[in-house]
């Protein structure tokens, strides 16, 4: 509704994980560097955690977009699948046609694929999102996948991405062997206070906003920070509501009353007219 009014080519504050909108905050830059390092150095297992809405999936999508042609990837979103179905999804996401849906056959097919890619001097990565939902038995199966290796290096890198509960799960005694194989760990923290305004204007610019045409007042940005705690998804929700309210009011200045009203709407608080 408000895109035409503000001269935007797309919605700047969608809660979908669009890598084009990735804002590389200090912590996101560091997380990205950890991922690239783990992949290039073939560290085997990598673990990325963060609160809901911290930008983990967006970061991983951006990573996939920036990989070179010598890196093959698979991205699994459904972490609630049973073992055999998960293995099938992994093969299919690597672009393979599953020959037989038995564990032995699929493992053999995966191993052959990895060896072929290694012969081509390619790297292979598997990203599993929402990994905190994986059952311990499935995590153990994933650990077994890491046994697919040569005498000198891992055949592929497995990135486990999840909420803080993933760290707790991996710290359980039954997953000690998996935990010991994790070569890179990083926890994505919320944006800092001084990054909130930069984040907002970055997304507006990507969406096509001209410099200075849409302005969030300082106290409005401060309120967004207090409410969101620096979590990108919450920032997006408030800003989207605020732009809609500003459109209705025919203003391009988003001030404190507009932001506070938007927060009330999100929280379901009755608004006095």
C-alpha atoms as a PDB file:
ATOM      1  CA  UNK A   1       0.000   0.000   0.000  1.00  0.00           C
ATOM      2  CA  UNK A   2       2.687   2.497   0.957  1.00  0.00           C
ATOM      3  CA  UNK A   3       5.330   1.650  -1.659  1.00  0.00           C
ATOM      4  CA  UNK A   4       4.087   4.116  -4.273  1.00  0.00           C
ATOM      5  CA  UNK A   5       3.726   6.916  -1.705  1.00  0.00           C
ATOM      6  CA  UNK A   6       7.331   6.535  -0.555  1.00  0.00           C
ATOM      7  CA  UNK A   7       8.698   5.762  -4.032  1.00  0.00           C
ATOM      8  CA  UNK A   8       9.904   2.280  -3.098  1.00  0.00           C
ATOM      9  CA  UNK A   9      10.455  -0.555  -5.563  1.00  0.00           C
ATOM     10  CA  UNK A  10       9.761  -3.191  -2.891  1.00  0.00           C
ATOM     11  CA  UNK A  11       8.853  -3.486   0.773  1.00  0.00           C
ATOM     12  CA  UNK A  12      11.940  -2.634   2.845  1.00  0.00           C
ATOM     13  CA  UNK A  13      10.918  -4.369   6.044  1.00  0.00           C
ATOM     14  CA  UNK A  14       9.607  -7.764   5.012  1.00  0.00           C
ATOM     15  CA  UNK A  15      10.348 -10.482   7.579  1.00  0.00           C
ATOM     16  CA  UNK A  16      11.387 -12.951   4.864  1.00  0.00           C
ATOM     17  CA  UNK A  17      15.073 -13.920   4.697  1.00  0.00           C
ATOM     18  CA  UNK A  18      16.082 -11.907   1.627  1.00  0.00           C
ATOM     19  CA  UNK A  19      19.906 -11.858   1.321  1.00  0.00           C
ATOM     20  CA  UNK A  20      19.762  -8.675  -0.755  1.00  0.00           C
ATOM     21  CA  UNK A  21      18.735  -6.819   2.399  1.00  0.00           C
ATOM     22  CA  UNK A  22      21.462  -8.279   4.618  1.00  0.00           C
ATOM     23  CA  UNK A  23      22.915  -5.611   6.885  1.00  0.00           C
ATOM     24  CA  UNK A  24      26.433  -6.530   7.886  1.00  0.00           C
ATOM     25  CA  UNK A  25      26.550  -5.310  11.453  1.00  0.00           C
ATOM     26  CA  UNK A  26      29.738  -5.809  13.427  1.00  0.00           C
ATOM     27  CA  UNK A  27      28.578  -9.193  14.681  1.00  0.00           C
ATOM     28  CA  UNK A  28      27.206 -10.307  11.299  1.00  0.00           C
ATOM     29  CA  UNK A  29      30.504  -9.449   9.618  1.00  0.00           C
ATOM     30  CA  UNK A  30      32.290 -11.571  12.195  1.00  0.00           C
ATOM     31  CA  UNK A  31      29.839 -14.450  11.767  1.00  0.00           C
ATOM     32  CA  UNK A  32      30.247 -14.284   7.992  1.00  0.00           C
ATOM     33  CA  UNK A  33      34.035 -14.382   8.339  1.00  0.00           C
ATOM     34  CA  UNK A  34      33.793 -17.431  10.614  1.00  0.00           C
ATOM     35  CA  UNK A  35      31.648 -19.236   8.047  1.00  0.00           C
ATOM     36  CA  UNK A  36      33.968 -18.449   5.139  1.00  0.00           C
ATOM     37  CA  UNK A  37      36.992 -19.514   7.194  1.00  0.00           C
ATOM     38  CA  UNK A  38      35.359 -22.793   8.237  1.00  0.00           C
ATOM     39  CA  UNK A  39      34.409 -23.617   4.657  1.00  0.00           C
ATOM     40  CA  UNK A  40      37.750 -22.725   3.079  1.00  0.00           C
ATOM     41  CA  UNK A  41      39.735 -24.538   5.759  1.00  0.00           C
ATOM     42  CA  UNK A  42      37.412 -27.560   5.569  1.00  0.00           C
ATOM     43  CA  UNK A  43      36.689 -27.604   9.291  1.00  0.00           C
ATOM     44  CA  UNK A  44      33.995 -30.257   9.021  1.00  0.00           C
ATOM     45  CA  UNK A  45      31.330 -29.052  11.445  1.00  0.00           C
ATOM     46  CA  UNK A  46      30.363 -25.403  11.958  1.00  0.00           C
ATOM     47  CA  UNK A  47      27.764 -24.139  14.445  1.00  0.00           C
ATOM     48  CA  UNK A  48      25.938 -20.805  14.123  1.00  0.00           C
ATOM     49  CA  UNK A  49      23.388 -19.850  16.781  1.00  0.00           C
ATOM     50  CA  UNK A  50      21.305 -16.799  17.609  1.00  0.00           C
ATOM     51  CA  UNK A  51      17.931 -15.719  18.944  1.00  0.00           C
ATOM     52  CA  UNK A  52      14.788 -15.961  16.817  1.00  0.00           C
ATOM     53  CA  UNK A  53      14.920 -13.215  14.195  1.00  0.00           C
ATOM     54  CA  UNK A  54      18.634 -12.485  14.643  1.00  0.00           C
ATOM     55  CA  UNK A  55      19.331 -12.916  10.924  1.00  0.00           C
ATOM     56  CA  UNK A  56      20.851 -16.407  10.852  1.00  0.00           C
ATOM     57  CA  UNK A  57      18.969 -17.651   7.790  1.00  0.00           C
ATOM     58  CA  UNK A  58      19.495 -14.386   5.906  1.00  0.00           C
ATOM     59  CA  UNK A  59      23.221 -14.629   6.612  1.00  0.00           C
ATOM     60  CA  UNK A  60      23.330 -18.195   5.290  1.00  0.00           C
ATOM     61  CA  UNK A  61      21.420 -17.256   2.132  1.00  0.00           C
ATOM     62  CA  UNK A  62      23.865 -14.411   1.546  1.00  0.00           C
ATOM     63  CA  UNK A  63      26.726 -16.838   2.062  1.00  0.00           C
ATOM     64  CA  UNK A  64      25.332 -19.176  -0.597  1.00  0.00           C
ATOM     65  CA  UNK A  65      25.012 -16.281  -3.041  1.00  0.00           C
ATOM     66  CA  UNK A  66      28.674 -15.367  -2.571  1.00  0.00           C
ATOM     67  CA  UNK A  67      30.205 -18.812  -2.861  1.00  0.00           C
ATOM     68  CA  UNK A  68      32.426 -19.396  -5.867  1.00  0.00           C
ATOM     69  CA  UNK A  69      31.647 -21.890  -8.616  1.00  0.00           C
ATOM     70  CA  UNK A  70      33.927 -24.462  -6.998  1.00  0.00           C
ATOM     71  CA  UNK A  71      31.692 -24.763  -3.936  1.00  0.00           C
ATOM     72  CA  UNK A  72      28.589 -26.959  -4.134  1.00  0.00           C
ATOM     73  CA  UNK A  73      25.864 -26.502  -1.542  1.00  0.00           C
ATOM     74  CA  UNK A  74      22.642 -27.892  -0.101  1.00  0.00           C
ATOM     75  CA  UNK A  75      20.331 -25.986   2.259  1.00  0.00           C
ATOM     76  CA  UNK A  76      17.897 -28.036   4.365  1.00  0.00           C
ATOM     77  CA  UNK A  77      15.069 -26.090   6.018  1.00  0.00           C
ATOM     78  CA  UNK A  78      12.922 -28.888   7.452  1.00  0.00           C
ATOM     79  CA  UNK A  79      14.850 -30.126  10.480  1.00  0.00           C
ATOM     80  CA  UNK A  80      11.970 -32.250  11.767  1.00  0.00           C
ATOM     81  CA  UNK A  81      12.364 -34.926   9.096  1.00  0.00           C
ATOM     82  CA  UNK A  82      13.202 -38.498  10.127  1.00  0.00           C
ATOM     83  CA  UNK A  83      16.660 -39.827   9.275  1.00  0.00           C
ATOM     84  CA  UNK A  84      15.950 -41.428   5.886  1.00  0.00           C
ATOM     85  CA  UNK A  85      13.865 -38.531   4.591  1.00  0.00           C
ATOM     86  CA  UNK A  86      16.511 -36.053   5.698  1.00  0.00           C
ATOM     87  CA  UNK A  87      19.169 -37.993   3.818  1.00  0.00           C
ATOM     88  CA  UNK A  88      16.952 -38.063   0.739  1.00  0.00           C
ATOM     89  CA  UNK A  89      16.386 -34.293   0.917  1.00  0.00           C
ATOM     90  CA  UNK A  90      20.138 -33.721   1.229  1.00  0.00           C
ATOM     91  CA  UNK A  91      20.832 -35.758  -1.902  1.00  0.00           C
ATOM     92  CA  UNK A  92      18.089 -34.026  -3.860  1.00  0.00           C
ATOM     93  CA  UNK A  93      19.272 -30.573  -2.818  1.00  0.00           C
ATOM     94  CA  UNK A  94      22.718 -31.449  -4.108  1.00  0.00           C
ATOM     95  CA  UNK A  95      20.979 -32.078  -7.423  1.00  0.00           C
ATOM     96  CA  UNK A  96      21.133 -35.863  -7.279  1.00  0.00           C
ATOM     97  CA  UNK A  97      18.393 -38.243  -8.371  1.00  0.00           C
ATOM     98  CA  UNK A  98      17.938 -40.761  -5.567  1.00  0.00           C
ATOM     99  CA  UNK A  99      18.563 -44.227  -6.962  1.00  0.00           C
ATOM    100  CA  UNK A 100      17.212 -46.302  -4.066  1.00  0.00           C
ATOM    101  CA  UNK A 101      15.599 -45.001  -0.886  1.00  0.00           C
ATOM    102  CA  UNK A 102      17.566 -47.181   1.482  1.00  0.00           C
ATOM    103  CA  UNK A 103      20.096 -45.848   3.954  1.00  0.00           C
ATOM    104  CA  UNK A 104      22.992 -47.867   2.559  1.00  0.00           C
ATOM    105  CA  UNK A 105      22.246 -46.883  -1.029  1.00  0.00           C
ATOM    106  CA  UNK A 106      21.832 -43.182  -0.287  1.00  0.00           C
ATOM    107  CA  UNK A 107      25.008 -43.052   1.801  1.00  0.00           C
ATOM    108  CA  UNK A 108      26.910 -44.765  -0.993  1.00  0.00           C
ATOM    109  CA  UNK A 109      25.490 -42.309  -3.504  1.00  0.00           C
ATOM    110  CA  UNK A 110      26.430 -39.346  -1.309  1.00  0.00           C
ATOM    111  CA  UNK A 111      29.936 -40.668  -0.789  1.00  0.00           C
ATOM    112  CA  UNK A 112      30.435 -41.155  -4.538  1.00  0.00           C
ATOM    113  CA  UNK A 113      29.183 -37.612  -5.178  1.00  0.00           C
ATOM    114  CA  UNK A 114      31.586 -36.145  -2.597  1.00  0.00           C
ATOM    115  CA  UNK A 115      34.559 -38.071  -3.994  1.00  0.00           C
ATOM    116  CA  UNK A 116      33.716 -36.887  -7.511  1.00  0.00           C
ATOM    117  CA  UNK A 117      33.534 -33.268  -6.325  1.00  0.00           C
ATOM    118  CA  UNK A 118      36.850 -33.611  -4.501  1.00  0.00           C
ATOM    119  CA  UNK A 119      38.447 -34.921  -7.704  1.00  0.00           C
ATOM    120  CA  UNK A 120      37.214 -31.749  -9.412  1.00  0.00           C
ATOM    121  CA  UNK A 121      38.826 -29.738  -6.556  1.00  0.00           C
ATOM    122  CA  UNK A 122      35.379 -28.578  -5.456  1.00  0.00           C
ATOM    123  CA  UNK A 123      34.281 -27.951  -1.891  1.00  0.00           C
ATOM    124  CA  UNK A 124      30.860 -29.121  -0.686  1.00  0.00           C
ATOM    125  CA  UNK A 125      28.776 -27.624   2.126  1.00  0.00           C
ATOM    126  CA  UNK A 126      25.537 -28.678   3.775  1.00  0.00           C
ATOM    127  CA  UNK A 127      23.532 -26.130   5.778  1.00  0.00           C
ATOM    128  CA  UNK A 128      20.826 -27.383   8.142  1.00  0.00           C
ATOM    129  CA  UNK A 129      18.565 -24.594   9.411  1.00  0.00           C
ATOM    130  CA  UNK A 130      16.571 -24.718  12.663  1.00  0.00           C
ATOM    131  CA  UNK A 131      18.966 -27.446  13.796  1.00  0.00           C
ATOM    132  CA  UNK A 132      17.755 -27.150  17.397  1.00  0.00           C
ATOM    133  CA  UNK A 133      14.758 -29.239  16.269  1.00  0.00           C
ATOM    134  CA  UNK A 134      16.902 -32.192  15.205  1.00  0.00           C
ATOM    135  CA  UNK A 135      16.424 -35.274  17.339  1.00  0.00           C
ATOM    136  CA  UNK A 136      19.568 -36.573  19.066  1.00  0.00           C
ATOM    137  CA  UNK A 137      19.368 -39.723  16.948  1.00  0.00           C
ATOM    138  CA  UNK A 138      19.327 -37.628  13.760  1.00  0.00           C
ATOM    139  CA  UNK A 139      22.223 -35.496  15.021  1.00  0.00           C
ATOM    140  CA  UNK A 140      24.164 -38.695  15.596  1.00  0.00           C
ATOM    141  CA  UNK A 141      23.433 -39.757  12.011  1.00  0.00           C
ATOM    142  CA  UNK A 142      24.688 -36.377  10.815  1.00  0.00           C
ATOM    143  CA  UNK A 143      27.857 -36.926  12.842  1.00  0.00           C
ATOM    144  CA  UNK A 144      28.307 -40.216  11.042  1.00  0.00           C
ATOM    145  CA  UNK A 145      28.105 -38.362   7.721  1.00  0.00           C
ATOM    146  CA  UNK A 146      31.269 -36.516   8.730  1.00  0.00           C
ATOM    147  CA  UNK A 147      33.068 -39.875   8.604  1.00  0.00           C
ATOM    148  CA  UNK A 148      32.925 -39.494   4.827  1.00  0.00           C
ATOM    149  CA  UNK A 149      36.476 -38.222   4.449  1.00  0.00           C
ATOM    150  CA  UNK A 150      39.837 -38.926   2.897  1.00  0.00           C
ATOM    151  CA  UNK A 151      43.039 -39.517   4.852  1.00  0.00           C
ATOM    152  CA  UNK A 152      43.838 -35.807   4.684  1.00  0.00           C
ATOM    153  CA  UNK A 153      40.593 -33.819   4.675  1.00  0.00           C
ATOM    154  CA  UNK A 154      36.849 -33.722   5.138  1.00  0.00           C
ATOM    155  CA  UNK A 155      34.802 -34.407   2.036  1.00  0.00           C
ATOM    156  CA  UNK A 156      32.246 -31.765   3.001  1.00  0.00           C
ATOM    157  CA  UNK A 157      31.415 -29.146   5.598  1.00  0.00           C
ATOM    158  CA  UNK A 158      28.225 -29.310   7.677  1.00  0.00           C
ATOM    159  CA  UNK A 159      26.837 -26.041   9.077  1.00  0.00           C
ATOM    160  CA  UNK A 160      24.321 -26.398  11.897  1.00  0.00           C
ATOM    161  CA  UNK A 161      22.231 -23.238  12.269  1.00  0.00           C
ATOM    162  CA  UNK A 162      19.818 -22.800  15.148  1.00  0.00           C
ATOM    163  CA  UNK A 163      18.464 -21.009  18.174  1.00  0.00           C
ATOM    164  CA  UNK A 164      20.364 -21.006  21.519  1.00  0.00           C
ATOM    165  CA  UNK A 165      18.698 -24.323  22.387  1.00  0.00           C
ATOM    166  CA  UNK A 166      21.017 -25.915  19.832  1.00  0.00           C
ATOM    167  CA  UNK A 167      24.019 -25.145  22.036  1.00  0.00           C
ATOM    168  CA  UNK A 168      22.301 -26.786  24.997  1.00  0.00           C
ATOM    169  CA  UNK A 169      21.427 -29.852  22.948  1.00  0.00           C
ATOM    170  CA  UNK A 170      24.973 -30.236  21.662  1.00  0.00           C
ATOM    171  CA  UNK A 171      26.287 -29.973  25.226  1.00  0.00           C
ATOM    172  CA  UNK A 172      24.382 -33.095  26.252  1.00  0.00           C
ATOM    173  CA  UNK A 173      26.598 -36.087  27.178  1.00  0.00           C
ATOM    174  CA  UNK A 174      25.127 -38.253  24.432  1.00  0.00           C
ATOM    175  CA  UNK A 175      26.372 -35.892  21.723  1.00  0.00           C
ATOM    176  CA  UNK A 176      29.894 -35.515  23.074  1.00  0.00           C
ATOM    177  CA  UNK A 177      31.486 -36.994  19.940  1.00  0.00           C
ATOM    178  CA  UNK A 178      29.618 -34.560  17.695  1.00  0.00           C
ATOM    179  CA  UNK A 179      30.471 -31.606  19.913  1.00  0.00           C
ATOM    180  CA  UNK A 180      34.157 -32.454  19.749  1.00  0.00           C
ATOM    181  CA  UNK A 181      34.058 -32.335  15.952  1.00  0.00           C
ATOM    182  CA  UNK A 182      32.722 -28.782  15.721  1.00  0.00           C
ATOM    183  CA  UNK A 183      35.616 -26.730  14.377  1.00  0.00           C
ATOM    184  CA  UNK A 184      33.892 -23.323  14.281  1.00  0.00           C
ATOM    185  CA  UNK A 185      31.289 -21.928  16.670  1.00  0.00           C
ATOM    186  CA  UNK A 186      29.698 -18.492  16.618  1.00  0.00           C
ATOM    187  CA  UNK A 187      26.720 -16.906  18.375  1.00  0.00           C
ATOM    188  CA  UNK A 188      24.977 -13.992  16.639  1.00  0.00           C
ATOM    189  CA  UNK A 189      24.031 -11.315  19.162  1.00  0.00           C
ATOM    190  CA  UNK A 190      21.487  -8.511  18.556  1.00  0.00           C
ATOM    191  CA  UNK A 191      22.409  -5.237  16.848  1.00  0.00           C
ATOM    192  CA  UNK A 192      24.033  -2.580  18.994  1.00  0.00           C
ATOM    193  CA  UNK A 193      22.154   0.633  19.748  1.00  0.00           C
ATOM    194  CA  UNK A 194      24.246   2.703  17.337  1.00  0.00           C
ATOM    195  CA  UNK A 195      23.486   0.252  14.502  1.00  0.00           C
ATOM    196  CA  UNK A 196      19.681   0.518  14.578  1.00  0.00           C
ATOM    197  CA  UNK A 197      19.450   3.688  12.488  1.00  0.00           C
ATOM    198  CA  UNK A 198      22.063   2.395  10.051  1.00  0.00           C
ATOM    199  CA  UNK A 199      20.089  -0.841   9.707  1.00  0.00           C
ATOM    200  CA  UNK A 200      16.828   1.018   9.005  1.00  0.00           C
ATOM    201  CA  UNK A 201      18.317   3.322   6.380  1.00  0.00           C
ATOM    202  CA  UNK A 202      20.244   0.455   4.784  1.00  0.00           C
ATOM    203  CA  UNK A 203      17.024  -1.456   4.154  1.00  0.00           C
ATOM    204  CA  UNK A 204      15.265   1.660   2.901  1.00  0.00           C
ATOM    205  CA  UNK A 205      18.100   2.310   0.437  1.00  0.00           C
ATOM    206  CA  UNK A 206      18.021  -1.279  -0.858  1.00  0.00           C
ATOM    207  CA  UNK A 207      14.262  -0.920  -1.373  1.00  0.00           C
ATOM    208  CA  UNK A 208      14.840   2.164  -3.530  1.00  0.00           C
ATOM    209  CA  UNK A 209      14.326   5.052  -1.101  1.00  0.00           C
ATOM    210  CA  UNK A 210      16.114   8.253  -2.099  1.00  0.00           C
ATOM    211  CA  UNK A 211      18.492   9.701   0.456  1.00  0.00           C
ATOM    212  CA  UNK A 212      16.666  11.859   2.992  1.00  0.00           C
ATOM    213  CA  UNK A 213      13.159  11.343   1.616  1.00  0.00           C
ATOM    214  CA  UNK A 214      12.107   9.095   4.500  1.00  0.00           C
ATOM    215  CA  UNK A 215      13.293  10.097   7.949  1.00  0.00           C
ATOM    216  CA  UNK A 216      13.041   8.365  11.299  1.00  0.00           C
ATOM    217  CA  UNK A 217      13.496  10.819  14.157  1.00  0.00           C
ATOM    218  CA  UNK A 218      16.134  10.068  16.779  1.00  0.00           C
ATOM    219  CA  UNK A 219      13.590   9.382  19.524  1.00  0.00           C
ATOM    220  CA  UNK A 220      11.681   7.078  17.144  1.00  0.00           C
ATOM    221  CA  UNK A 221      14.872   5.059  16.513  1.00  0.00           C
ATOM    222  CA  UNK A 222      15.526   4.981  20.262  1.00  0.00           C
ATOM    223  CA  UNK A 223      12.036   3.572  20.857  1.00  0.00           C
ATOM    224  CA  UNK A 224      12.542   0.925  18.167  1.00  0.00           C
ATOM    225  CA  UNK A 225      15.772  -0.134  19.849  1.00  0.00           C
ATOM    226  CA  UNK A 226      14.154  -0.386  23.294  1.00  0.00           C
ATOM    227  CA  UNK A 227      11.295  -2.494  21.947  1.00  0.00           C
ATOM    228  CA  UNK A 228      13.294  -4.754  19.638  1.00  0.00           C
ATOM    229  CA  UNK A 229      16.393  -5.202  21.783  1.00  0.00           C
ATOM    230  CA  UNK A 230      18.315  -5.073  18.501  1.00  0.00           C
ATOM    231  CA  UNK A 231      16.599  -8.137  16.972  1.00  0.00           C
ATOM    232  CA  UNK A 232      16.293  -7.465  13.207  1.00  0.00           C
ATOM    233  CA  UNK A 233      12.942  -9.220  12.779  1.00  0.00           C
ATOM    234  CA  UNK A 234      11.311  -7.086  15.483  1.00  0.00           C
ATOM    235  CA  UNK A 235      12.835  -3.945  13.989  1.00  0.00           C
ATOM    236  CA  UNK A 236      11.294  -4.912  10.645  1.00  0.00           C
ATOM    237  CA  UNK A 237       7.872  -5.456  12.174  1.00  0.00           C
ATOM    238  CA  UNK A 238       7.840  -2.041  13.861  1.00  0.00           C
ATOM    239  CA  UNK A 239       9.195  -0.182  10.831  1.00  0.00           C
ATOM    240  CA  UNK A 240       6.702  -1.821   8.473  1.00  0.00           C
ATOM    241  CA  UNK A 241       3.807  -0.776  10.715  1.00  0.00           C
ATOM    242  CA  UNK A 242       5.304   2.699  11.082  1.00  0.00           C
ATOM    243  CA  UNK A 243       5.581   3.230   7.324  1.00  0.00           C
ATOM    244  CA  UNK A 244       1.967   2.163   6.887  1.00  0.00           C
ATOM    245  CA  UNK A 245       0.883   4.623   9.589  1.00  0.00           C
ATOM    246  CA  UNK A 246       2.973   7.399   8.015  1.00  0.00           C
ATOM    247  CA  UNK A 247       1.377   6.674   4.644  1.00  0.00           C
ATOM    248  CA  UNK A 248      -2.094   7.030   6.158  1.00  0.00           C
ATOM    249  CA  UNK A 249      -0.999  10.337   7.745  1.00  0.00           C
ATOM    250  CA  UNK A 250       0.661  11.428   4.473  1.00  0.00           C
ATOM    251  CA  UNK A 251       4.005  12.151   6.118  1.00  0.00           C
ATOM    252  CA  UNK A 252       7.516  11.013   5.298  1.00  0.00           C
ATOM    253  CA  UNK A 253       8.780  11.693   8.802  1.00  0.00           C
ATOM    254  CA  UNK A 254       8.376   8.775  11.198  1.00  0.00           C
ATOM    255  CA  UNK A 255       8.327  10.225  14.690  1.00  0.00           C
ATOM    256  CA  UNK A 256       7.982   8.820  18.199  1.00  0.00           C
ATOM    257  CA  UNK A 257       4.123   8.837  18.343  1.00  0.00           C
ATOM    258  CA  UNK A 258       3.968   6.871  15.078  1.00  0.00           C
ATOM    259  CA  UNK A 259       6.457   4.283  16.343  1.00  0.00           C
ATOM    260  CA  UNK A 260       4.761   3.946  19.735  1.00  0.00           C
ATOM    261  CA  UNK A 261       1.399   3.462  18.047  1.00  0.00           C
ATOM    262  CA  UNK A 262       2.933   0.806  15.778  1.00  0.00           C
ATOM    263  CA  UNK A 263       4.364  -1.044  18.783  1.00  0.00           C
ATOM    264  CA  UNK A 264       0.976  -0.956  20.492  1.00  0.00           C
ATOM    265  CA  UNK A 265      -0.642  -2.480  17.410  1.00  0.00           C
ATOM    266  CA  UNK A 266       1.958  -5.263  17.302  1.00  0.00           C
ATOM    267  CA  UNK A 267       1.410  -6.011  20.978  1.00  0.00           C
ATOM    268  CA  UNK A 268      -2.378  -5.895  20.611  1.00  0.00           C
ATOM    269  CA  UNK A 269      -2.719  -2.991  23.018  1.00  0.00           C
ATOM    270  CA  UNK A 270      -6.012  -1.037  22.579  1.00  0.00           C
ATOM    271  CA  UNK A 271      -5.289   2.338  20.991  1.00  0.00           C
ATOM    272  CA  UNK A 272      -7.193   5.386  22.168  1.00  0.00           C
ATOM    273  CA  UNK A 273      -8.680   7.356  19.302  1.00  0.00           C
END
